[in-house]
Protein backbone atom coordinates (compact mmCIF):
# COMPACT_ATOMS: atom_id res chain seq x y z
CA MET A 1 -16.76 -8.45 -0.15
CA LYS A 2 -14.81 -5.72 -1.46
CA TRP A 3 -11.14 -3.48 -0.24
CA TYR A 4 -12.56 0.13 0.99
CA VAL A 5 -10.59 2.80 1.87
CA LEU A 6 -11.26 5.40 3.86
CA TYR A 7 -9.42 8.62 4.43
CA THR A 8 -9.33 9.39 8.23
CA ARG A 9 -8.94 13.11 10.21
CA HIS A 10 -4.69 14.08 10.10
CA TYR A 11 -2.83 11.72 12.86
CA HIS A 12 -5.55 9.61 13.42
CA GLU A 13 -4.80 6.50 11.42
CA ARG A 14 -3.91 3.71 14.15
CA ALA A 15 -7.22 5.15 15.70
CA VAL A 16 -8.84 4.90 13.39
CA TYR A 17 -7.95 0.53 12.26
CA GLU A 18 -8.16 -0.34 16.22
CA ARG A 19 -12.25 1.44 15.95
CA LEU A 20 -13.25 -0.72 12.77
CA LEU A 21 -11.38 -4.15 14.41
CA ASP A 22 -13.30 -3.28 17.95
CA LYS A 23 -16.83 -2.88 15.29
CA GLY A 24 -15.46 -6.18 13.64
CA PHE A 25 -14.36 -4.65 10.53
CA GLN A 26 -11.43 -6.47 8.64
CA ALA A 27 -9.21 -3.91 8.80
CA TYR A 28 -5.62 -3.10 6.83
CA LEU A 29 -3.10 -0.01 7.87
CA PRO A 30 0.74 -0.31 6.09
CA TRP A 31 3.01 0.92 7.85
CA THR A 32 6.76 1.69 6.93
CA THR A 33 10.02 2.60 9.31
CA VAL A 34 11.33 6.05 9.03
CA TRP A 35 14.53 7.47 10.82
CA ARG A 36 13.54 10.20 13.14
CA ARG A 37 15.91 12.82 15.01
CA ALA A 38 15.92 12.76 18.49
CA LYS A 39 17.76 14.02 20.97
CA LYS A 40 19.89 11.40 21.82
CA GLY A 41 20.51 10.96 18.15
CA LYS A 42 18.83 9.04 15.35
CA ARG A 43 15.97 6.93 16.37
CA GLN A 44 13.69 4.29 14.10
CA ALA A 45 9.69 5.38 13.99
CA ALA A 46 7.29 3.21 12.48
CA ILE A 47 4.44 5.59 10.10
CA PRO A 48 1.84 4.81 8.22
CA LEU A 49 2.87 3.93 4.74
CA PHE A 50 -0.39 5.74 3.43
CA PRO A 51 -1.25 9.24 4.83
CA ARG A 52 -4.81 9.13 6.36
CA TYR A 53 -5.88 6.52 4.72
CA VAL A 54 -6.79 2.98 6.70
CA PHE A 55 -8.54 -0.28 4.19
CA VAL A 56 -11.57 -1.68 5.11
CA ARG A 57 -13.07 -5.24 3.19
CA CYS A 58 -16.41 -5.51 3.81
CA TYR A 59 -20.08 -5.99 2.56
CA LEU A 60 -20.75 -1.55 1.60
CA GLU A 61 -24.67 -1.36 2.69
CA MET A 62 -26.07 1.03 3.63
CA TYR A 63 -26.06 0.51 7.16
CA ALA A 64 -22.16 -0.60 7.43
CA HIS A 65 -21.33 2.94 4.67
CA LEU A 66 -22.85 5.05 7.71
CA GLU A 67 -20.97 3.39 10.27
CA LEU A 68 -17.83 3.77 8.62
CA ILE A 69 -18.73 7.25 8.13
CA SER A 70 -19.62 7.91 11.21
CA LEU A 71 -16.97 5.96 13.43
CA PRO A 72 -14.69 8.93 15.30
CA GLY A 73 -11.78 9.85 12.64
CA VAL A 74 -13.23 9.02 9.26
CA MET A 75 -13.75 12.42 7.49
CA ARG A 76 -14.90 9.87 4.13
CA LEU A 77 -15.08 7.26 2.01
CA VAL A 78 -12.07 7.84 -0.99
CA GLU A 79 -13.69 7.76 -3.83
CA ASP A 80 -12.03 6.70 -7.49
CA SER A 81 -10.85 9.32 -9.56
CA GLN A 82 -11.26 7.52 -12.93
CA ALA A 83 -15.26 7.25 -12.31
CA ALA A 84 -16.98 9.79 -10.98
CA GLY A 85 -19.50 9.18 -7.84
CA GLU A 86 -17.67 5.46 -7.17
CA LEU A 87 -16.32 4.64 -4.54
CA LEU A 88 -12.90 3.24 -4.61
CA ILE A 89 -12.59 0.01 -4.62
CA ILE A 90 -8.81 -1.84 -4.03
CA PRO A 91 -8.50 -5.45 -6.22
CA GLU A 92 -8.02 -8.14 -3.88
CA ASP A 93 -4.76 -9.14 -5.46
CA GLN A 94 -3.17 -5.31 -5.26
CA MET A 95 -3.96 -5.84 -1.24
CA ARG A 96 -2.39 -8.76 -1.40
CA LEU A 97 0.84 -6.81 -2.70
CA LEU A 98 0.51 -4.18 -0.52
CA ARG A 99 0.85 -7.05 2.58
CA GLN A 100 3.42 -8.75 1.06
CA LEU A 101 5.62 -5.51 0.54
CA SER A 102 4.81 -3.91 4.65
CA ASP A 103 5.00 -7.85 5.57
CA ALA A 104 8.78 -7.94 4.51
CA GLY A 105 9.93 -5.44 7.53
CA LEU A 106 11.74 -2.90 4.97
CA ALA A 107 12.00 0.24 4.71
CA LEU A 108 9.51 1.73 1.47
CA GLU A 109 8.41 5.18 -0.17
CA ARG A 110 5.58 6.48 -1.09
CA VAL A 111 6.67 8.08 -5.13
CA ASP A 112 4.86 8.89 -8.02
CA TYR A 113 2.37 6.58 -10.03
CA GLN A 114 4.71 5.35 -13.39
CA THR A 115 5.31 2.39 -16.01
CA GLU A 116 7.95 2.92 -17.70
CA GLY A 117 11.26 1.64 -17.03
CA GLU A 118 13.20 -2.19 -17.06
CA TYR A 119 10.69 -4.67 -15.22
CA VAL A 120 12.66 -6.87 -13.41
CA GLU A 121 11.54 -10.33 -10.75
CA VAL A 122 13.42 -10.18 -7.33
CA VAL A 123 14.15 -14.04 -7.15
CA HIS A 124 15.93 -13.70 -3.81
CA GLY A 125 15.11 -12.26 -0.64
CA PRO A 126 11.87 -11.82 1.83
CA LEU A 127 9.94 -9.72 -1.80
CA ARG A 128 10.90 -13.00 -4.29
CA GLY A 129 8.33 -13.36 -6.43
CA LEU A 130 7.50 -9.79 -6.90
CA THR A 131 7.62 -7.74 -10.11
CA GLY A 132 8.55 -4.69 -10.70
CA ILE A 133 9.89 -1.69 -11.93
CA LEU A 134 14.02 -1.11 -11.34
CA ARG A 135 14.92 2.26 -11.35
CA PRO A 136 18.59 2.39 -10.95
CA GLU A 137 19.77 6.33 -9.82
CA PRO A 138 20.16 7.55 -7.25
CA ARG A 139 19.76 4.63 -5.37
CA VAL A 140 18.53 1.03 -7.00
CA MET A 141 14.50 1.15 -6.00
CA LEU A 142 12.01 -1.69 -7.01
CA LEU A 143 9.11 0.35 -7.31
CA VAL A 144 5.42 -1.39 -7.35
CA PRO A 145 2.96 0.19 -9.13
CA LEU A 146 -0.60 0.01 -7.06
CA GLN A 147 -2.58 1.01 -10.13
CA ALA A 148 -5.87 1.69 -8.34
CA LEU A 149 -4.44 3.78 -5.60
CA GLN A 150 -2.24 5.59 -8.37
CA ILE A 151 0.68 4.95 -6.81
CA CYS A 152 4.00 3.30 -6.47
CA ILE A 153 5.73 1.95 -3.25
CA ALA A 154 8.93 2.04 -3.58
CA VAL A 155 12.10 0.06 -1.97
CA GLU A 156 15.71 -0.54 -1.86
CA MET A 157 17.27 -3.62 -3.90
CA SER A 158 19.95 -4.34 -4.71
CA ARG A 159 20.48 -5.70 -8.60
CA THR A 160 21.85 -8.88 -7.57
CA GLN A 161 18.17 -9.79 -6.18
CA VAL A 162 16.73 -9.39 -8.94
CA THR A 163 16.26 -10.65 -12.38
CA PRO A 164 14.88 -8.99 -15.88
CA CYS A 165 11.23 -9.83 -17.35
CA ILE A 166 8.69 -9.47 -19.42
CA ARG A 167 5.45 -7.85 -17.94
CA GLY A 168 2.48 -9.59 -16.63
CA GLY A 169 -0.34 -10.33 -18.52
CA ARG A 170 -2.79 -7.62 -19.13
CA GLY A 171 -0.38 -5.38 -17.51
CA ALA A 172 -0.93 -5.88 -14.44
CA PHE A 173 1.73 -6.38 -11.75
CA SER A 174 1.67 -9.05 -8.90
CA THR A 175 3.08 -11.31 -6.84
CA LEU A 176 3.62 -14.79 -8.40
CA PRO A 177 3.28 -18.36 -7.51
CA SER A 178 6.35 -19.69 -5.14
């Protein structure tokens, strides 16, 4: 079974995610928290980390493919920009990385894909064992590249939580064994 990415209608991520679960598919929808203005001041709101994207794990045979694209709210399966005509497959290690980031309960941001900078390993906190790139300005941020999606996830980090490290094997960022 492989992880694929569904492209949904605007603001339909949660509904598509729930429909996938109802149909028996293994699905994942990562969330992040943001501060929004409200009548009584600012409040926290949960929004999808990747607007219009829902991740689904399945054997993609013709029947499953038709079932996925016929779900209300689904526009299409995302194609790989590197391989013309091929569907985008998210490797299992990057899905684990995405889950670890999302489950940490920290505010996450999407930023442009970047692989240059100071490589660090998180040694304290909920992201312990994670490797990424430290961006010192304007705020100290840990950038975790997701190669398949060609995007980085940024999380605010204290310099005391990280230690310099050598980039992992084959250029991949991953979680290290605890």
